[in-house]
Amino acid sequence: MKSVCRTVVLAVAAVLAGCGSATDSTTFKAPANFTAAASVGPFMQMWKGPQESALMLMALPTKIDLDKAVTSSDIKDAQIKKETTISICGNQPAVYVSMIGEHEAFGSPSPGGAVQKRQIDFLATNTNGKTYMAMYIRPLGTPEDPGAESAIHDVCSK
C-alpha cells in the first residue's frame, strides 16, 4: 500500500511540476547567491542560500485572512519579536513577522533531525487572487542577507 501511495504522490508531483511556479505572477526573485532547491508545482518554491539560510515562497490558490496566514505557519515554539501590518509594492497590504523559532536545518536527511534555533522573517500578502507567504530563514546569530530580506518584501503583481 505504501508503494502505491508513494507512486500516486510522485505522479501528482510530476503533473504539478509542469504547472508553473509560485513566482509566475509576482515580482519575487531570489538573490543571485541563492540557488533553487525545491519546487512543488505552482504552490511552493524554495532556495538554499549561504550559511544554511533558505528562502521560501508559497502561493495559496485563494485569498485568506493575513492574520490566519501568520498563525498557520508551522514554526515550533516561535517567539515573535515583531509583528506589524505594512504596505509593499506601493499600497498592497501585508503582514510582516520577525520571530525566533526552531526549524529543521535545510536539507536535513530525515524529518525530525537537526532542529536548530532560527531567525525567521515572514511576510504574507494577498495579490492576484492568491495569498502569498514568503519566508527568509537563517541560523540565529548569522548576519542578515540584505538581498534575501528585500526579496520577501517584493511579492508584487507582475
C-alpha atoms as a PDB file:
ATOM      1  CA  MET A   1       0.000   0.000   0.000  1.00  0.00           C
ATOM      2  CA  LYS A   2       2.807   2.425   0.856  1.00  0.00           C
ATOM      3  CA  SER A   3       4.325   1.778  -2.566  1.00  0.00           C
ATOM      4  CA  VAL A   4       1.048   2.614  -4.328  1.00  0.00           C
ATOM      5  CA  CYS A   5       0.596   5.806  -2.290  1.00  0.00           C
ATOM      6  CA  ARG A   6       4.177   6.865  -2.982  1.00  0.00           C
ATOM      7  CA  THR A   7       3.650   6.264  -6.729  1.00  0.00           C
ATOM      8  CA  VAL A   8       0.458   8.347  -6.724  1.00  0.00           C
ATOM      9  CA  VAL A   9       2.149  11.190  -4.817  1.00  0.00           C
ATOM     10  CA  LEU A  10       5.095  11.181  -7.230  1.00  0.00           C
ATOM     11  CA  ALA A  11       2.754  11.183 -10.231  1.00  0.00           C
ATOM     12  CA  VAL A  12       0.783  14.149  -8.856  1.00  0.00           C
ATOM     13  CA  ALA A  13       4.038  16.000  -8.113  1.00  0.00           C
ATOM     14  CA  ALA A  14       5.242  15.349 -11.660  1.00  0.00           C
ATOM     15  CA  VAL A  15       1.998  16.754 -13.115  1.00  0.00           C
ATOM     16  CA  LEU A  16       2.135  19.810 -10.854  1.00  0.00           C
ATOM     17  CA  ALA A  17       5.770  20.437 -11.746  1.00  0.00           C
ATOM     18  CA  GLY A  18       4.639  21.321 -15.250  1.00  0.00           C
ATOM     19  CA  CYS A  19       2.094  23.855 -13.976  1.00  0.00           C
ATOM     20  CA  GLY A  20       4.415  26.800 -13.413  1.00  0.00           C
ATOM     21  CA  SER A  21       5.922  28.090 -10.207  1.00  0.00           C
ATOM     22  CA  ALA A  22       4.943  30.184  -7.212  1.00  0.00           C
ATOM     23  CA  THR A  23       6.828  33.141  -8.705  1.00  0.00           C
ATOM     24  CA  ASP A  24       4.940  33.258 -12.034  1.00  0.00           C
ATOM     25  CA  SER A  25       2.500  36.051 -11.083  1.00  0.00           C
ATOM     26  CA  THR A  26       4.783  38.093  -8.825  1.00  0.00           C
ATOM     27  CA  THR A  27       7.994  40.091  -8.998  1.00  0.00           C
ATOM     28  CA  PHE A  28       9.575  37.933  -6.247  1.00  0.00           C
ATOM     29  CA  LYS A  29      13.122  36.954  -7.181  1.00  0.00           C
ATOM     30  CA  ALA A  30      15.692  35.169  -5.047  1.00  0.00           C
ATOM     31  CA  PRO A  31      19.089  36.908  -4.879  1.00  0.00           C
ATOM     32  CA  ALA A  32      21.936  35.584  -7.035  1.00  0.00           C
ATOM     33  CA  ASN A  33      23.668  33.961  -4.040  1.00  0.00           C
ATOM     34  CA  PHE A  34      20.645  31.650  -3.503  1.00  0.00           C
ATOM     35  CA  THR A  35      20.105  28.549  -5.648  1.00  0.00           C
ATOM     36  CA  ALA A  36      16.812  26.834  -6.450  1.00  0.00           C
ATOM     37  CA  ALA A  37      16.412  23.820  -4.195  1.00  0.00           C
ATOM     38  CA  ALA A  38      12.837  22.532  -4.444  1.00  0.00           C
ATOM     39  CA  SER A  39       9.568  23.268  -6.164  1.00  0.00           C
ATOM     40  CA  VAL A  40       6.068  21.883  -5.755  1.00  0.00           C
ATOM     41  CA  GLY A  41       4.246  22.973  -8.880  1.00  0.00           C
ATOM     42  CA  PRO A  42       2.727  26.431  -8.691  1.00  0.00           C
ATOM     43  CA  PHE A  43       2.338  26.258  -4.900  1.00  0.00           C
ATOM     44  CA  MET A  44       5.787  26.416  -3.323  1.00  0.00           C
ATOM     45  CA  GLN A  45       9.361  27.156  -4.258  1.00  0.00           C
ATOM     46  CA  MET A  46      12.490  27.027  -2.091  1.00  0.00           C
ATOM     47  CA  TRP A  47      16.031  28.347  -2.469  1.00  0.00           C
ATOM     48  CA  LYS A  48      19.143  27.473  -0.478  1.00  0.00           C
ATOM     49  CA  GLY A  49      21.476  30.298   0.477  1.00  0.00           C
ATOM     50  CA  PRO A  50      24.779  30.885   2.213  1.00  0.00           C
ATOM     51  CA  GLN A  51      25.339  29.940   5.868  1.00  0.00           C
ATOM     52  CA  GLU A  52      22.483  27.389   5.922  1.00  0.00           C
ATOM     53  CA  SER A  53      19.899  30.030   5.060  1.00  0.00           C
ATOM     54  CA  ALA A  54      16.822  29.484   2.935  1.00  0.00           C
ATOM     55  CA  LEU A  55      14.081  31.383   1.150  1.00  0.00           C
ATOM     56  CA  MET A  56      10.615  30.010   0.577  1.00  0.00           C
ATOM     57  CA  LEU A  57       7.640  31.349  -1.361  1.00  0.00           C
ATOM     58  CA  MET A  58       4.218  29.721  -1.076  1.00  0.00           C
ATOM     59  CA  ALA A  59       1.232  30.646  -3.234  1.00  0.00           C
ATOM     60  CA  LEU A  60      -2.094  29.535  -1.794  1.00  0.00           C
ATOM     61  CA  PRO A  61      -4.771  29.297  -4.511  1.00  0.00           C
ATOM     62  CA  THR A  62      -7.241  31.559  -2.655  1.00  0.00           C
ATOM     63  CA  LYS A  63      -7.068  34.670  -0.533  1.00  0.00           C
ATOM     64  CA  ILE A  64      -7.063  34.067   3.206  1.00  0.00           C
ATOM     65  CA  ASP A  65      -7.044  36.421   6.174  1.00  0.00           C
ATOM     66  CA  LEU A  66      -3.425  37.572   6.574  1.00  0.00           C
ATOM     67  CA  ASP A  67      -3.516  37.102  10.359  1.00  0.00           C
ATOM     68  CA  LYS A  68      -4.519  33.463   9.790  1.00  0.00           C
ATOM     69  CA  ALA A  69      -1.575  33.066   7.422  1.00  0.00           C
ATOM     70  CA  VAL A  70       0.729  34.060  10.272  1.00  0.00           C
ATOM     71  CA  THR A  71      -0.847  31.696  12.809  1.00  0.00           C
ATOM     72  CA  SER A  72      -0.883  28.790  10.338  1.00  0.00           C
ATOM     73  CA  SER A  73       2.862  28.986   9.638  1.00  0.00           C
ATOM     74  CA  ASP A  74       4.324  25.880  11.259  1.00  0.00           C
ATOM     75  CA  ILE A  75       7.188  27.180  13.394  1.00  0.00           C
ATOM     76  CA  LYS A  76       7.829  25.205  16.582  1.00  0.00           C
ATOM     77  CA  ASP A  77       7.935  27.265  19.775  1.00  0.00           C
ATOM     78  CA  ALA A  78       8.137  30.541  17.860  1.00  0.00           C
ATOM     79  CA  GLN A  79       8.921  33.662  19.847  1.00  0.00           C
ATOM     80  CA  ILE A  80       7.550  36.641  17.924  1.00  0.00           C
ATOM     81  CA  LYS A  81       9.884  39.622  18.145  1.00  0.00           C
ATOM     82  CA  LYS A  82       7.909  41.920  15.850  1.00  0.00           C
ATOM     83  CA  GLU A  83       4.547  41.675  14.073  1.00  0.00           C
ATOM     84  CA  THR A  84       3.280  44.561  12.016  1.00  0.00           C
ATOM     85  CA  THR A  85       0.956  45.440   9.172  1.00  0.00           C
ATOM     86  CA  ILE A  86       2.875  47.128   6.370  1.00  0.00           C
ATOM     87  CA  SER A  87       2.390  48.200   2.764  1.00  0.00           C
ATOM     88  CA  ILE A  88       4.532  46.756  -0.007  1.00  0.00           C
ATOM     89  CA  CYS A  89       4.560  47.489  -3.729  1.00  0.00           C
ATOM     90  CA  GLY A  90       3.024  50.903  -3.158  1.00  0.00           C
ATOM     91  CA  ASN A  91      -0.241  50.264  -1.347  1.00  0.00           C
ATOM     92  CA  GLN A  92      -0.513  46.457  -1.124  1.00  0.00           C
ATOM     93  CA  PRO A  93      -1.271  45.380   2.483  1.00  0.00           C
ATOM     94  CA  ALA A  94       0.986  42.765   4.046  1.00  0.00           C
ATOM     95  CA  VAL A  95       1.758  41.325   7.454  1.00  0.00           C
ATOM     96  CA  TYR A  96       5.424  41.114   8.428  1.00  0.00           C
ATOM     97  CA  VAL A  97       6.618  38.980  11.331  1.00  0.00           C
ATOM     98  CA  SER A  98      10.129  38.605  12.698  1.00  0.00           C
ATOM     99  CA  MET A  99      10.472  35.625  15.016  1.00  0.00           C
ATOM    100  CA  ILE A 100      12.865  33.159  16.546  1.00  0.00           C
ATOM    101  CA  GLY A 101      11.867  29.540  16.320  1.00  0.00           C
ATOM    102  CA  GLU A 102      13.075  26.019  15.904  1.00  0.00           C
ATOM    103  CA  HIS A 103      13.254  24.776  12.370  1.00  0.00           C
ATOM    104  CA  GLU A 104      14.865  21.764  10.763  1.00  0.00           C
ATOM    105  CA  ALA A 105      18.146  22.539   9.084  1.00  0.00           C
ATOM    106  CA  PHE A 106      17.544  22.983   5.374  1.00  0.00           C
ATOM    107  CA  GLY A 107      18.447  19.785   3.543  1.00  0.00           C
ATOM    108  CA  SER A 108      18.191  17.644   6.680  1.00  0.00           C
ATOM    109  CA  PRO A 109      18.430  13.985   5.603  1.00  0.00           C
ATOM    110  CA  SER A 110      15.465  12.874   7.688  1.00  0.00           C
ATOM    111  CA  PRO A 111      12.375  14.500   9.160  1.00  0.00           C
ATOM    112  CA  GLY A 112      12.746  15.325  12.810  1.00  0.00           C
ATOM    113  CA  GLY A 113      16.534  15.693  12.701  1.00  0.00           C
ATOM    114  CA  ALA A 114      18.899  18.643  13.073  1.00  0.00           C
ATOM    115  CA  VAL A 115      16.462  21.132  14.616  1.00  0.00           C
ATOM    116  CA  GLN A 116      18.166  24.473  15.281  1.00  0.00           C
ATOM    117  CA  LYS A 117      17.211  27.911  16.560  1.00  0.00           C
ATOM    118  CA  ARG A 118      16.493  30.121  13.552  1.00  0.00           C
ATOM    119  CA  GLN A 119      15.740  33.734  12.774  1.00  0.00           C
ATOM    120  CA  ILE A 120      12.618  33.664  10.615  1.00  0.00           C
ATOM    121  CA  ASP A 121      11.366  36.697   8.731  1.00  0.00           C
ATOM    122  CA  PHE A 122       7.897  36.073   7.335  1.00  0.00           C
ATOM    123  CA  LEU A 123       5.660  38.120   5.058  1.00  0.00           C
ATOM    124  CA  ALA A 124       2.089  37.343   3.994  1.00  0.00           C
ATOM    125  CA  THR A 125       0.156  39.292   1.374  1.00  0.00           C
ATOM    126  CA  ASN A 126      -2.818  38.911  -0.953  1.00  0.00           C
ATOM    127  CA  THR A 127      -2.433  39.655  -4.654  1.00  0.00           C
ATOM    128  CA  ASN A 128      -3.646  38.202  -7.946  1.00  0.00           C
ATOM    129  CA  GLY A 129      -6.465  36.358  -6.114  1.00  0.00           C
ATOM    130  CA  LYS A 130      -3.968  34.355  -4.018  1.00  0.00           C
ATOM    131  CA  THR A 131      -2.285  34.539  -0.641  1.00  0.00           C
ATOM    132  CA  TYR A 132       1.496  34.568  -0.834  1.00  0.00           C
ATOM    133  CA  MET A 133       3.721  33.708   2.106  1.00  0.00           C
ATOM    134  CA  ALA A 134       7.438  34.451   1.835  1.00  0.00           C
ATOM    135  CA  MET A 135       9.995  33.368   4.421  1.00  0.00           C
ATOM    136  CA  TYR A 136      13.667  34.046   4.932  1.00  0.00           C
ATOM    137  CA  ILE A 137      15.202  31.603   7.404  1.00  0.00           C
ATOM    138  CA  ARG A 138      18.745  31.684   8.757  1.00  0.00           C
ATOM    139  CA  PRO A 139      20.604  30.301  11.787  1.00  0.00           C
ATOM    140  CA  LEU A 140      20.196  32.534  14.814  1.00  0.00           C
ATOM    141  CA  GLY A 141      23.134  34.931  15.129  1.00  0.00           C
ATOM    142  CA  THR A 142      24.202  34.905  11.474  1.00  0.00           C
ATOM    143  CA  PRO A 143      24.199  38.242   9.669  1.00  0.00           C
ATOM    144  CA  GLU A 144      21.155  39.212   7.621  1.00  0.00           C
ATOM    145  CA  ASP A 145      21.449  38.926   3.840  1.00  0.00           C
ATOM    146  CA  PRO A 146      20.030  42.258   2.554  1.00  0.00           C
ATOM    147  CA  GLY A 147      19.059  40.690  -0.798  1.00  0.00           C
ATOM    148  CA  ALA A 148      17.060  37.932   0.883  1.00  0.00           C
ATOM    149  CA  GLU A 149      15.322  40.372   3.221  1.00  0.00           C
ATOM    150  CA  SER A 150      14.486  42.569   0.256  1.00  0.00           C
ATOM    151  CA  ALA A 151      13.171  39.587  -1.739  1.00  0.00           C
ATOM    152  CA  ILE A 152      10.496  38.681   0.819  1.00  0.00           C
ATOM    153  CA  HIS A 153       9.221  42.275   0.642  1.00  0.00           C
ATOM    154  CA  ASP A 154       8.941  42.104  -3.160  1.00  0.00           C
ATOM    155  CA  VAL A 155       5.836  39.974  -3.681  1.00  0.00           C
ATOM    156  CA  CYS A 156       4.151  42.386  -6.082  1.00  0.00           C
ATOM    157  CA  SER A 157       1.836  41.749  -9.032  1.00  0.00           C
ATOM    158  CA  LYS A 158       3.599  41.490 -12.368  1.00  0.00           C
END
